[in-house]
Amino acid sequence: MNRRTVNILGLLIFFFLWELLPMIGVVNPDYLPPPSEAIEKIPIEIEKGTLQAAIKDSFIHYLIGFGGALLFAIPLGIIMGRIRLVEDLLYPIEEMMRPIPPIAWIPVAIIWLGFTPWAAGFIIFIGAFFPTLINTYDGAKSVNKTDIEAAMTLGVRDEFTMIRKIIFPASLPRIFTGIRVSNAAAWMCLVAGEMFGAGGGIGLELTLSRNYMDMARIFAYMLVLGIIGISSDIGIRKYESKVLRWRKGVVA
């Protein structure tokens, strides 16, 4: 039995048990409706146009936050790993900021940016930034000195070429680890930011469903979010397997 078959089997067992428990009265279906009821809500939301609009808004927030996090975290992590002065300057700041949960930034984001897509993107940025930064920094810091010395022997002298030819490629396995962790954090932070009305999206629809006590609709949007999240992780893994073809153990 191959890995994909096992993955599908695991999902089927999960949904079967979820459907069974409310049916036999183990849990109250008013609080945990079966997946069939949640799935029935999806075409209704599509027909109203609500689901498409929510997904579109959420993708905008995701691209702002997650894209911005990668844009800043990867170069900064490389620089911290290569330049001791920058590492010493930024390390205490990074360690002070990292434990602050992204949800604590929501009032700040709303005051600074209002109820806009940029506010939700900012919350996602906070959550996605640090995992990629730390993994990139660790990757750059742990590059084998023998590889660096060999590159210098072969004529690599300037730092930019060293980073482009040696440091960055050698750091890619850890960078991709950080990206995958950041991706998961981005979707979690997305819902937290949107629940406060920052720019609409899936999180706002979850809040509205809570106000109506519509549990089936809540789980419908949660299922959609889960499908989007796992699809984005699969996409990252597939891209990683292509980039890191030389590394054994990378499986799409």
Protein backbone atom coordinates (compact mmCIF):
# COMPACT_ATOMS: atom_id res chain seq x y z
CA MET A 1 0.00 0.00 0.00
CA ASN A 2 1.60 3.26 -1.12
CA ARG A 3 1.74 6.47 0.87
CA ARG A 4 -1.01 8.28 -1.03
CA THR A 5 -3.42 5.39 -0.51
CA VAL A 6 -2.71 5.46 3.23
CA ASN A 7 -3.31 9.24 3.26
CA ILE A 8 -6.69 8.82 1.58
CA LEU A 9 -7.58 5.93 3.88
CA GLY A 10 -6.80 8.07 6.93
CA LEU A 11 -9.11 10.82 5.67
CA LEU A 12 -11.92 8.34 4.96
CA ILE A 13 -11.65 6.89 8.48
CA PHE A 14 -11.65 10.40 9.96
CA PHE A 15 -14.80 11.46 8.08
CA PHE A 16 -16.52 8.13 8.77
CA LEU A 17 -16.00 8.49 12.52
CA TRP A 18 -17.07 12.14 12.38
CA GLU A 19 -20.29 11.13 10.58
CA LEU A 20 -20.90 8.21 12.93
CA LEU A 21 -20.48 9.91 16.33
CA PRO A 22 -23.39 12.40 15.99
CA MET A 23 -25.51 9.71 14.34
CA ILE A 24 -25.28 7.27 17.28
CA GLY A 25 -25.65 10.04 19.86
CA VAL A 26 -22.11 10.07 21.25
CA VAL A 27 -21.99 13.82 20.60
CA ASN A 28 -24.78 16.36 20.22
CA PRO A 29 -25.28 17.09 16.47
CA ASP A 30 -26.37 20.63 17.38
CA TYR A 31 -22.79 21.30 18.53
CA LEU A 32 -20.89 18.90 16.25
CA PRO A 33 -22.91 18.35 13.07
CA PRO A 34 -21.85 15.46 10.79
CA PRO A 35 -19.65 16.36 7.82
CA SER A 36 -22.50 15.62 5.41
CA GLU A 37 -24.42 18.63 6.80
CA ALA A 38 -21.35 20.84 6.55
CA ILE A 39 -20.67 19.73 2.96
CA GLU A 40 -24.32 20.46 2.03
CA LYS A 41 -23.72 24.08 3.04
CA ILE A 42 -20.89 24.56 0.55
CA PRO A 43 -22.97 24.67 -2.68
CA ILE A 44 -25.45 26.96 -0.92
CA GLU A 45 -22.63 29.39 -0.07
CA ILE A 46 -21.30 29.14 -3.63
CA GLU A 47 -24.74 29.90 -5.05
CA LYS A 48 -24.97 33.02 -2.87
CA GLY A 49 -21.44 34.03 -3.92
CA THR A 50 -20.37 34.31 -0.29
CA LEU A 51 -17.80 31.52 -0.36
CA GLN A 52 -16.00 32.81 -3.46
CA ALA A 53 -15.83 36.33 -2.04
CA ALA A 54 -14.50 35.05 1.30
CA ILE A 55 -11.83 32.89 -0.38
CA LYS A 56 -10.77 35.81 -2.59
CA ASP A 57 -10.42 38.16 0.40
CA SER A 58 -8.52 35.54 2.39
CA PHE A 59 -6.09 34.87 -0.47
CA ILE A 60 -5.35 38.60 -0.70
CA HIS A 61 -4.60 38.70 3.03
CA TYR A 62 -2.51 35.52 2.76
CA LEU A 63 -0.43 36.86 -0.14
CA ILE A 64 0.20 40.15 1.65
CA GLY A 65 1.25 38.53 4.93
CA PHE A 66 2.94 35.32 3.84
CA GLY A 67 4.61 36.86 0.79
CA GLY A 68 5.89 39.78 2.86
CA ALA A 69 7.18 37.43 5.56
CA LEU A 70 9.24 35.42 3.07
CA LEU A 71 10.46 38.55 1.31
CA PHE A 72 11.96 39.94 4.52
CA ALA A 73 12.73 36.81 6.58
CA ILE A 74 14.89 34.91 4.08
CA PRO A 75 17.37 37.73 3.25
CA LEU A 76 17.50 38.82 6.88
CA GLY A 77 18.10 35.27 8.08
CA ILE A 78 20.98 34.85 5.61
CA ILE A 79 22.53 38.15 6.71
CA MET A 80 22.19 37.24 10.41
CA GLY A 81 23.82 33.90 9.74
CA ARG A 82 26.74 35.46 7.88
CA ILE A 83 27.47 38.74 9.68
CA ARG A 84 28.19 38.43 13.40
CA LEU A 85 27.53 42.13 14.13
CA VAL A 86 24.04 41.94 12.61
CA GLU A 87 23.35 38.71 14.51
CA ASP A 88 24.41 40.29 17.82
CA LEU A 89 22.32 43.40 17.14
CA LEU A 90 19.13 41.63 16.11
CA TYR A 91 19.18 38.46 18.24
CA PRO A 92 17.84 40.07 21.46
CA ILE A 93 15.17 41.95 19.50
CA GLU A 94 14.10 38.77 17.72
CA GLU A 95 13.96 36.79 20.96
CA MET A 96 11.93 39.55 22.63
CA MET A 97 9.41 39.84 19.79
CA ARG A 98 9.01 36.17 18.90
CA PRO A 99 7.09 35.04 22.04
CA ILE A 100 4.44 37.76 21.56
CA PRO A 101 1.45 35.95 20.00
CA PRO A 102 0.23 37.38 16.68
CA ILE A 103 -3.27 37.84 18.12
CA ALA A 104 -1.83 40.42 20.55
CA TRP A 105 -1.00 42.59 17.51
CA ILE A 106 -4.62 42.74 16.30
CA PRO A 107 -5.52 45.97 18.19
CA VAL A 108 -2.27 47.53 16.93
CA ALA A 109 -2.98 46.47 13.34
CA ILE A 110 -6.51 47.90 13.45
CA ILE A 111 -5.33 51.21 14.95
CA TRP A 112 -2.47 51.53 12.47
CA LEU A 113 -4.17 50.18 9.34
CA GLY A 114 -7.91 50.22 10.05
CA PHE A 115 -10.31 47.46 9.01
CA THR A 116 -8.46 46.82 5.77
CA PRO A 117 -6.77 43.87 4.02
CA TRP A 118 -3.44 45.33 5.16
CA ALA A 119 -4.42 44.86 8.81
CA ALA A 120 -5.17 41.15 8.28
CA GLY A 121 -2.00 40.84 6.19
CA PHE A 122 0.00 42.41 9.00
CA ILE A 123 -1.24 39.78 11.51
CA ILE A 124 -0.30 37.01 9.07
CA PHE A 125 3.10 38.61 8.53
CA ILE A 126 3.81 38.54 12.27
CA GLY A 127 2.89 34.86 12.53
CA ALA A 128 4.73 33.74 9.40
CA PHE A 129 7.89 35.84 9.75
CA PHE A 130 9.72 34.21 12.65
CA PRO A 131 9.64 30.50 11.64
CA THR A 132 11.24 31.30 8.29
CA LEU A 133 13.69 33.77 9.82
CA ILE A 134 14.92 31.30 12.45
CA ASN A 135 15.24 28.37 10.04
CA THR A 136 17.02 30.50 7.44
CA TYR A 137 19.38 31.86 10.08
CA ASP A 138 20.13 28.34 11.36
CA GLY A 139 20.69 27.13 7.81
CA ALA A 140 23.12 29.93 6.96
CA LYS A 141 24.89 29.57 10.30
CA SER A 142 25.44 25.83 9.94
CA VAL A 143 26.91 25.77 6.43
CA ASN A 144 29.99 23.54 6.44
CA LYS A 145 33.17 25.60 6.66
CA THR A 146 34.85 23.13 4.35
CA ASP A 147 32.41 24.11 1.59
CA ILE A 148 33.17 27.80 2.15
CA GLU A 149 36.93 27.21 2.12
CA ALA A 150 36.63 25.11 -1.04
CA ALA A 151 34.69 27.90 -2.75
CA MET A 152 37.36 30.42 -1.75
CA THR A 153 40.05 28.12 -3.10
CA LEU A 154 38.18 27.99 -6.40
CA GLY A 155 38.17 31.78 -6.63
CA VAL A 156 35.03 32.95 -4.85
CA ARG A 157 36.04 36.11 -3.03
CA ASP A 158 33.10 38.52 -2.69
CA GLU A 159 30.36 37.87 -0.14
CA PHE A 160 27.46 38.22 -2.58
CA THR A 161 28.81 35.41 -4.80
CA MET A 162 29.50 33.29 -1.72
CA ILE A 163 25.89 33.69 -0.57
CA ARG A 164 24.44 33.06 -4.03
CA LYS A 165 26.61 30.06 -4.88
CA ILE A 166 27.22 28.39 -1.51
CA ILE A 167 25.33 29.75 1.49
CA PHE A 168 21.84 30.04 0.03
CA PRO A 169 21.77 26.64 -1.76
CA ALA A 170 23.17 24.90 1.34
CA SER A 171 20.53 26.59 3.52
CA LEU A 172 17.58 25.62 1.32
CA PRO A 173 16.53 22.47 3.23
CA ARG A 174 16.07 24.48 6.45
CA ILE A 175 14.57 27.41 4.58
CA PHE A 176 11.87 25.14 3.16
CA THR A 177 11.21 23.76 6.64
CA GLY A 178 10.67 27.32 7.83
CA ILE A 179 8.42 28.09 4.86
CA ARG A 180 6.18 25.10 5.58
CA VAL A 181 5.88 26.05 9.26
CA SER A 182 5.22 29.67 8.27
CA ASN A 183 2.56 28.56 5.79
CA ALA A 184 0.61 26.75 8.50
CA ALA A 185 1.02 29.71 10.86
CA ALA A 186 -0.17 32.07 8.12
CA TRP A 187 -3.53 30.28 7.71
CA MET A 188 -4.08 30.18 11.47
CA CYS A 189 -3.28 33.87 11.86
CA LEU A 190 -5.44 34.68 8.85
CA VAL A 191 -8.58 33.47 10.64
CA ALA A 192 -7.63 35.29 13.86
CA GLY A 193 -7.15 38.58 12.02
CA GLU A 194 -10.30 38.26 9.92
CA MET A 195 -12.51 37.36 12.89
CA PHE A 196 -12.11 40.93 14.08
CA GLY A 197 -13.44 42.22 10.77
CA ALA A 198 -10.10 43.18 9.23
CA GLY A 199 -10.83 43.02 5.51
CA GLY A 200 -13.49 40.27 5.37
CA GLY A 201 -12.61 36.69 4.42
CA ILE A 202 -13.20 33.22 5.82
CA GLY A 203 -12.56 34.33 9.40
CA LEU A 204 -15.31 36.95 9.19
CA GLU A 205 -17.75 34.37 7.82
CA LEU A 206 -16.91 32.09 10.76
CA THR A 207 -17.72 34.92 13.14
CA LEU A 208 -21.03 35.64 11.40
CA SER A 209 -21.89 31.92 11.53
CA ARG A 210 -21.21 31.93 15.26
CA ASN A 211 -23.58 34.87 15.71
CA TYR A 212 -26.30 32.88 13.89
CA MET A 213 -25.38 29.69 15.85
CA ASP A 214 -25.11 27.94 12.48
CA MET A 215 -22.67 25.14 13.35
CA ALA A 216 -22.96 23.42 9.97
CA ARG A 217 -21.92 26.64 8.23
CA ILE A 218 -19.01 27.05 10.67
CA PHE A 219 -17.72 23.57 9.87
CA ALA A 220 -18.29 24.12 6.14
CA TYR A 221 -15.94 27.10 6.16
CA MET A 222 -13.50 25.20 8.39
CA LEU A 223 -13.45 22.36 5.85
CA VAL A 224 -12.79 24.80 3.02
CA LEU A 225 -9.97 26.38 5.01
CA GLY A 226 -8.50 22.96 5.77
CA ILE A 227 -8.58 21.97 2.09
CA ILE A 228 -6.88 25.22 1.09
CA GLY A 229 -4.27 24.78 3.81
CA ILE A 230 -3.35 21.21 2.92
CA SER A 231 -3.31 22.09 -0.78
CA SER A 232 -0.84 24.92 -0.18
CA ASP A 233 1.39 22.61 1.89
CA ILE A 234 1.33 19.95 -0.84
CA GLY A 235 2.27 22.63 -3.38
CA ILE A 236 5.22 23.77 -1.27
CA ARG A 237 6.37 20.18 -0.76
CA LYS A 238 6.21 19.44 -4.48
CA TYR A 239 8.22 22.57 -5.26
CA GLU A 240 10.69 21.63 -2.53
CA SER A 241 11.15 18.15 -4.00
CA LYS A 242 11.99 19.70 -7.39
CA VAL A 243 14.42 22.25 -5.98
CA LEU A 244 16.08 19.73 -3.66
CA ARG A 245 16.25 16.77 -6.03
CA TRP A 246 19.80 16.17 -4.81
CA ARG A 247 18.68 15.55 -1.22
CA LYS A 248 17.63 12.03 -0.31
CA GLY A 249 14.49 11.70 1.72
CA VAL A 250 12.56 14.58 0.19
CA VAL A 251 9.21 13.16 -0.84
CA ALA A 252 6.48 15.06 -2.66
